[in-house]
Protein backbone atom coordinates (compact mmCIF):
# COMPACT_ATOMS: atom_id res chain seq x y z
CA MET A 1 49.43 126.04 126.44
CA THR A 2 46.56 125.71 128.83
CA THR A 3 43.80 123.21 128.26
CA ILE A 4 40.99 125.30 126.94
CA GLU A 5 37.82 123.86 125.29
CA HIS A 6 36.89 125.60 122.06
CA ASN A 7 33.51 125.40 120.38
CA SER A 8 34.81 125.42 116.84
CA GLY A 9 38.00 125.01 114.88
CA ALA A 10 37.88 128.52 113.44
CA PRO A 11 40.45 131.05 114.56
CA ARG A 12 39.23 133.78 116.82
CA THR A 13 40.36 137.13 118.12
CA VAL A 14 41.22 137.03 121.79
CA THR A 15 42.27 139.71 124.25
CA CYS A 16 45.22 138.60 126.34
CA PRO A 17 44.18 138.58 130.02
CA MET A 18 47.73 139.46 131.06
CA CYS A 19 48.48 142.46 128.92
CA GLY A 20 45.25 143.44 127.18
CA HIS A 21 46.55 143.13 123.57
CA SER A 22 44.40 141.36 120.93
CA PHE A 23 45.71 138.41 118.99
CA THR A 24 44.53 135.49 116.97
CA CYS A 25 44.02 132.13 118.61
CA GLY A 26 44.14 129.34 116.01
CA LEU A 27 41.96 126.97 118.05
CA SER A 28 43.81 124.02 116.64
CA SER A 29 47.00 121.95 116.56
CA THR A 30 48.38 124.45 113.96
CA CYS A 31 48.13 127.51 116.27
CA TRP A 32 51.31 129.41 117.06
CA CYS A 33 51.26 128.25 120.64
CA VAL A 34 52.07 124.61 119.70
CA THR A 35 55.46 125.84 118.43
CA ARG A 36 56.41 126.67 122.06
CA LYS A 37 57.66 124.14 124.67
CA VAL A 38 55.64 125.26 127.62
CA PRO A 39 56.86 124.02 130.98
CA ALA A 40 54.38 122.41 133.30
CA GLU A 41 54.76 125.23 135.82
CA VAL A 42 53.68 127.75 133.18
CA LYS A 43 50.73 125.57 132.15
CA GLU A 44 49.61 125.23 135.73
CA TYR A 45 50.03 129.04 136.36
CA LEU A 46 47.89 129.85 133.35
CA ALA A 47 45.19 127.23 133.99
CA GLU A 48 44.77 128.47 137.60
CA ARG A 49 44.36 132.10 136.53
CA TYR A 50 42.80 132.37 133.15
CA THR A 51 40.00 130.81 131.10
CA THR A 52 41.47 131.86 127.73
CA CYS A 53 44.77 131.89 125.91
CA VAL A 54 47.48 134.51 126.47
CA CYS A 55 49.39 136.24 123.64
CA ILE A 56 52.67 135.10 122.21
CA GLU A 57 54.63 137.86 124.04
CA CYS A 58 53.19 137.04 127.48
CA LEU A 59 53.66 133.29 126.93
CA ASP A 60 57.25 133.77 125.87
CA LYS A 61 57.86 135.98 128.94
CA LEU A 62 56.49 133.26 131.27
CA ILE A 63 58.56 130.55 129.58
CA GLU A 64 61.70 132.68 129.83
CA LYS A 65 61.13 133.42 133.53
CA VAL A 66 60.79 129.74 134.32
CA GLY A 67 63.78 128.88 132.17
CA ALA A 68 65.83 131.38 134.16
CA GLY A 69 64.82 129.66 137.43
CA GLU A 70 62.28 132.22 138.49
CA SER A 71 58.69 131.38 139.40
CA CYS A 72 55.79 132.61 137.29
């Protein structure tokens, strides 16, 4: 996902900046987001716009769009 600095390794509840839903961010290499192959275009898009993680649904939508040849 995006490169985000976390202060601790404990999971936290985050509000997705794209859709407003709450989700749990694992803050580690075991978080759900590491199970996704995130294209560089998506990483750049997220890093330019947000300072926190996005939810699994929004991340998957962005990955799908780029995979279909669309831009973020």
